[in-house]
Amino acid sequence: MRFTFWLGVFLFGCGASASAAELRLYTEEYRPLSYSDNGRLTGMAVEVVELLVERTGQATRIELVPWTRGYHQIRREANSGLFAMVRTPEREALFQWVGPIAQGRTSFYARRGAGLAIRELKDLERFSSLVLPKRWYSYEYLRGLGLKNLYGVPTPQHMVKMFKHGRSELMVASNLVLAEMLAQQGMRPEEVELQFTFMANNSYIGFSKSTDPALVQRWQHALEQAGRDGSLQQIHQRWFSEPFSLEALVPVPALSNDLPGQ
């Protein structure tokens, strides 16, 4: 099912006007960052995007689509973007980036009381298979680090279901979405315990390479201003308990393939 939402800002006086080019943004059902609630698009990342639409005056259409469809579209469409996308070494040169709009940590989790003790990357090699959604940033990242025992499944729901029924000893999740992922399978955060944090997962709006760079720059400037005036932090605090770090808005060099420390 696909939902389409229109956001428009019309500026009058002093010759000001929104950009004539319509911007098309794609997002997926990924609570609590973006999702449909009784036909209305909402979520933490959606609120940030709505704020940037207002501040840039950019006529924008947002479509809720499967991740793979949105990812495919922005590889070939001008004036298009996808959110919330984790910025990884594999994706760095494929897109233009605005963000971060959310900050999290990606970790392996086990069932509480399972007796596992995973503290570093090499500990993962003893498992016959590590189940992850094949289109996820974490699958790309771990494959790039040389792990040979990755087992790709179509969706996060497949992964959590296998984990719930004991077909996988571990699951991967960002701390931002862990509770929602478990809830979809009737589980609670108290039923799992963190084993190993292997990467930061700052999320961005990824714009197509053929999108006007000036448009991307306007959005980045609007985001940085929202960080300076506190608007970004206010949105983040409505959805998450952990604070949003302003330092993460400082432009960073290209990402490396080194494994971050826990």
Protein backbone atom coordinates (compact mmCIF):
# COMPACT_ATOMS: atom_id res chain seq x y z
CA MET A 1 0.00 0.00 0.00
CA ARG A 2 1.30 3.45 -0.84
CA PHE A 3 0.33 6.73 0.78
CA THR A 4 1.11 10.11 -0.76
CA PHE A 5 1.26 13.28 1.27
CA TRP A 6 1.65 16.81 -0.06
CA LEU A 7 3.42 19.58 1.77
CA GLY A 8 3.46 23.05 0.31
CA VAL A 9 4.65 26.41 1.56
CA PHE A 10 3.71 29.56 -0.29
CA LEU A 11 5.68 32.73 0.38
CA PHE A 12 4.33 36.14 -0.50
CA GLY A 13 5.82 39.61 -0.62
CA CYS A 14 9.31 40.89 -1.34
CA GLY A 15 9.49 38.70 -4.42
CA ALA A 16 10.05 35.54 -2.31
CA SER A 17 8.82 32.27 -3.72
CA ALA A 18 9.36 28.59 -3.21
CA SER A 19 11.51 26.68 -5.66
CA ALA A 20 9.58 25.88 -8.82
CA ALA A 21 10.87 22.32 -8.89
CA GLU A 22 8.77 19.88 -6.88
CA LEU A 23 10.75 17.72 -4.52
CA ARG A 24 9.69 14.10 -4.11
CA LEU A 25 10.69 12.38 -0.90
CA TYR A 26 10.26 8.69 -0.11
CA THR A 27 10.06 7.03 3.26
CA GLU A 28 9.10 3.63 4.61
CA GLU A 29 6.95 2.21 7.40
CA TYR A 30 9.60 2.27 10.14
CA ARG A 31 8.23 3.19 13.55
CA PRO A 32 8.83 5.50 15.27
CA LEU A 33 10.76 7.42 12.58
CA SER A 34 8.09 7.28 9.87
CA TYR A 35 4.75 5.52 9.65
CA SER A 36 1.10 5.92 8.76
CA ASP A 37 -1.38 6.37 11.63
CA ASN A 38 -5.00 6.23 10.46
CA GLY A 39 -4.01 7.57 7.06
CA ARG A 40 -1.77 10.32 8.43
CA LEU A 41 2.00 10.25 7.98
CA THR A 42 3.82 10.80 11.27
CA GLY A 43 7.00 9.95 13.13
CA MET A 44 10.11 11.67 14.43
CA ALA A 45 11.84 11.88 11.03
CA VAL A 46 8.61 13.03 9.38
CA GLU A 47 8.35 15.92 11.83
CA VAL A 48 11.90 17.00 11.01
CA VAL A 49 11.17 16.87 7.28
CA GLU A 50 7.98 18.88 7.73
CA LEU A 51 9.97 21.52 9.61
CA LEU A 52 12.54 21.71 6.79
CA VAL A 53 9.79 21.98 4.17
CA GLU A 54 8.36 24.93 6.07
CA ARG A 55 11.72 26.65 6.43
CA THR A 56 12.92 26.13 2.87
CA GLY A 57 9.60 26.91 1.21
CA GLN A 58 10.05 23.85 -0.98
CA ALA A 59 6.97 22.29 -2.61
CA THR A 60 7.31 18.66 -1.55
CA ARG A 61 5.49 15.39 -2.01
CA ILE A 62 6.18 12.54 0.42
CA GLU A 63 5.39 8.95 -0.55
CA LEU A 64 5.29 6.05 1.90
CA VAL A 65 6.70 3.08 -0.04
CA PRO A 66 8.70 -0.09 0.59
CA TRP A 67 12.36 0.68 1.25
CA THR A 68 13.68 -1.05 -1.88
CA ARG A 69 11.30 0.92 -4.09
CA GLY A 70 12.31 4.27 -2.60
CA TYR A 71 15.99 3.37 -2.81
CA HIS A 72 15.59 2.44 -6.48
CA GLN A 73 13.68 5.64 -7.29
CA ILE A 74 16.25 8.04 -5.91
CA ARG A 75 19.02 6.32 -7.84
CA ARG A 76 17.40 7.55 -11.06
CA GLU A 77 15.22 10.59 -10.24
CA ALA A 78 16.29 14.21 -10.00
CA ASN A 79 14.85 16.29 -7.14
CA SER A 80 14.22 13.21 -5.01
CA GLY A 81 15.32 11.87 -1.65
CA LEU A 82 14.84 9.06 0.83
CA PHE A 83 14.63 9.23 4.63
CA ALA A 84 15.64 8.18 7.18
CA MET A 85 18.77 6.67 5.61
CA VAL A 86 21.83 5.62 7.59
CA ARG A 87 25.02 7.02 6.10
CA THR A 88 27.53 4.22 5.51
CA PRO A 89 30.82 3.92 3.60
CA GLU A 90 29.07 1.89 0.90
CA ARG A 91 26.47 4.61 0.33
CA GLU A 92 28.67 7.66 0.81
CA ALA A 93 29.34 8.45 -2.86
CA LEU A 94 25.90 7.38 -4.11
CA PHE A 95 23.89 10.24 -2.62
CA GLN A 96 23.96 13.82 -1.38
CA TRP A 97 23.37 14.06 2.35
CA VAL A 98 21.35 16.28 4.67
CA GLY A 99 21.58 15.54 8.35
CA PRO A 100 21.85 13.90 10.65
CA ILE A 101 18.16 14.03 11.52
CA ALA A 102 18.34 11.19 14.08
CA GLN A 103 21.14 9.64 16.11
CA GLY A 104 21.32 6.08 17.33
CA ARG A 105 23.46 3.00 17.92
CA THR A 106 23.16 -0.37 16.19
CA SER A 107 23.75 -3.47 18.28
CA PHE A 108 23.32 -7.21 18.49
CA TYR A 109 20.76 -8.41 21.04
CA ALA A 110 20.18 -11.86 22.56
CA ARG A 111 17.33 -13.31 24.60
CA ARG A 112 17.78 -12.37 28.25
CA GLY A 113 19.36 -15.23 30.14
CA ALA A 114 20.69 -16.94 27.02
CA GLY A 115 24.19 -16.93 28.48
CA LEU A 116 25.88 -15.36 25.48
CA ALA A 117 28.84 -13.04 25.90
CA ILE A 118 29.65 -11.15 22.69
CA ARG A 119 32.15 -8.37 23.19
CA GLU A 120 33.93 -7.98 19.85
CA LEU A 121 33.56 -8.68 16.16
CA LYS A 122 35.44 -11.96 16.17
CA ASP A 123 32.93 -13.40 18.68
CA LEU A 124 30.32 -13.29 15.92
CA GLU A 125 32.28 -15.69 13.75
CA ARG A 126 31.35 -18.69 15.88
CA PHE A 127 27.66 -18.49 14.91
CA SER A 128 26.60 -20.56 11.93
CA SER A 129 24.49 -17.68 10.65
CA LEU A 130 23.66 -14.09 11.58
CA VAL A 131 20.17 -13.17 10.39
CA LEU A 132 19.75 -9.61 9.09
CA PRO A 133 17.49 -7.86 6.58
CA LYS A 134 19.49 -7.99 3.36
CA ARG A 135 18.74 -4.39 2.36
CA TRP A 136 19.73 -2.95 5.72
CA TYR A 137 22.73 -0.70 6.27
CA SER A 138 23.95 -3.11 8.97
CA TYR A 139 24.04 -6.01 6.49
CA GLU A 140 26.08 -3.88 4.06
CA TYR A 141 28.36 -2.72 6.84
CA LEU A 142 29.10 -6.15 8.32
CA ARG A 143 29.59 -7.67 4.88
CA GLY A 144 32.10 -4.91 4.17
CA LEU A 145 33.97 -5.89 7.33
CA GLY A 146 34.37 -9.41 5.99
CA LEU A 147 31.83 -11.44 7.98
CA LYS A 148 31.03 -14.60 6.02
CA ASN A 149 28.12 -15.95 8.06
CA LEU A 150 25.48 -13.34 7.22
CA TYR A 151 22.04 -14.70 6.29
CA GLY A 152 19.86 -12.16 4.50
CA VAL A 153 16.08 -12.07 4.98
CA PRO A 154 13.57 -9.78 3.22
CA THR A 155 12.42 -7.60 6.13
CA PRO A 156 13.10 -6.76 9.79
CA GLN A 157 9.88 -8.59 10.66
CA HIS A 158 11.33 -11.80 9.24
CA MET A 159 14.42 -11.35 11.40
CA VAL A 160 12.53 -10.70 14.64
CA LYS A 161 10.12 -13.56 14.02
CA MET A 162 13.02 -15.99 13.56
CA PHE A 163 14.62 -14.60 16.72
CA LYS A 164 11.39 -14.98 18.70
CA HIS A 165 10.96 -18.63 17.72
CA GLY A 166 14.57 -19.57 18.41
CA ARG A 167 15.67 -19.92 14.82
CA SER A 168 18.28 -17.23 15.41
CA GLU A 169 20.22 -16.57 18.61
CA LEU A 170 20.81 -12.92 17.82
CA MET A 171 18.99 -10.00 16.27
CA VAL A 172 20.24 -6.59 15.15
CA ALA A 173 18.48 -3.33 15.91
CA SER A 174 19.00 0.37 16.44
CA ASN A 175 18.21 1.55 19.95
CA LEU A 176 15.77 4.02 18.32
CA VAL A 177 13.48 1.34 16.91
CA LEU A 178 14.14 -1.71 19.12
CA ALA A 179 10.95 -1.43 21.17
CA GLU A 180 8.73 -1.04 18.10
CA MET A 181 10.38 -3.95 16.27
CA LEU A 182 9.86 -6.25 19.25
CA ALA A 183 6.28 -5.08 19.82
CA GLN A 184 5.31 -6.12 16.31
CA GLN A 185 6.10 -9.70 17.33
CA GLY A 186 4.53 -9.45 20.79
CA MET A 187 7.83 -9.04 22.62
CA ARG A 188 9.12 -6.46 25.11
CA PRO A 189 12.56 -4.82 25.48
CA GLU A 190 12.91 -6.51 28.86
CA GLU A 191 13.07 -9.87 27.10
CA VAL A 192 16.37 -9.04 25.38
CA GLU A 193 19.79 -7.88 26.46
CA LEU A 194 22.40 -5.91 24.55
CA GLN A 195 25.45 -7.92 23.51
CA PHE A 196 27.61 -5.84 21.22
CA THR A 197 27.31 -2.33 19.77
CA PHE A 198 29.12 -2.21 16.44
CA MET A 199 28.24 1.09 14.80
CA ALA A 200 26.66 4.48 15.16
CA ASN A 201 23.62 4.84 12.94
CA ASN A 202 23.09 8.51 12.35
CA SER A 203 20.20 8.89 9.93
CA TYR A 204 20.03 11.39 7.08
CA ILE A 205 17.93 12.44 4.14
CA GLY A 206 19.71 10.94 1.15
CA PHE A 207 19.18 13.01 -2.01
CA SER A 208 19.81 11.68 -5.49
CA LYS A 209 23.06 12.68 -7.15
CA SER A 210 21.06 14.42 -9.89
CA THR A 211 19.23 16.67 -7.42
CA ASP A 212 20.26 20.34 -7.62
CA PRO A 213 23.12 20.78 -5.11
CA ALA A 214 21.83 24.23 -4.25
CA LEU A 215 18.55 22.67 -3.08
CA VAL A 216 20.45 20.18 -0.92
CA GLN A 217 22.54 22.99 0.55
CA ARG A 218 19.39 24.97 1.45
CA TRP A 219 18.03 21.96 3.32
CA GLN A 220 21.29 21.42 5.20
CA HIS A 221 21.41 25.08 6.20
CA ALA A 222 17.79 24.91 7.39
CA LEU A 223 18.60 21.82 9.46
CA GLU A 224 21.64 23.47 11.04
CA GLN A 225 19.53 26.52 11.93
CA ALA A 226 16.93 24.22 13.52
CA GLY A 227 19.76 22.76 15.59
CA ARG A 228 20.96 26.17 16.69
CA ASP A 229 17.53 27.46 17.72
CA GLY A 230 16.53 24.26 19.56
CA SER A 231 13.72 23.17 17.23
CA LEU A 232 15.49 19.94 16.27
CA GLN A 233 16.12 18.98 19.88
CA GLN A 234 12.48 19.62 20.77
CA ILE A 235 11.30 17.21 18.09
CA HIS A 236 13.84 14.59 19.14
CA GLN A 237 12.84 14.84 22.82
CA ARG A 238 9.17 14.26 22.00
CA TRP A 239 10.08 10.83 20.61
CA PHE A 240 13.23 9.71 22.41
CA SER A 241 14.67 10.00 25.90
CA GLU A 242 18.30 10.43 24.85
CA PRO A 243 19.49 13.95 23.91
CA PHE A 244 20.34 15.03 20.39
CA SER A 245 23.96 16.17 20.00
CA LEU A 246 24.52 19.43 18.14
CA GLU A 247 28.12 18.41 17.44
CA ALA A 248 26.85 15.76 15.01
CA LEU A 249 25.60 18.54 12.73
CA VAL A 250 29.15 19.64 12.00
CA PRO A 251 30.15 18.42 8.49
CA VAL A 252 32.27 15.29 8.71
CA PRO A 253 34.80 13.79 6.27
CA ALA A 254 34.07 10.66 4.27
CA LEU A 255 33.40 7.67 6.47
CA SER A 256 36.00 4.95 6.85
CA ASN A 257 35.67 1.19 7.00
CA ASP A 258 37.16 1.01 10.48
CA LEU A 259 34.94 -0.61 13.08
CA PRO A 260 33.92 1.97 15.68
CA GLY A 261 34.59 1.15 19.30
CA GLN A 262 31.74 0.11 21.52
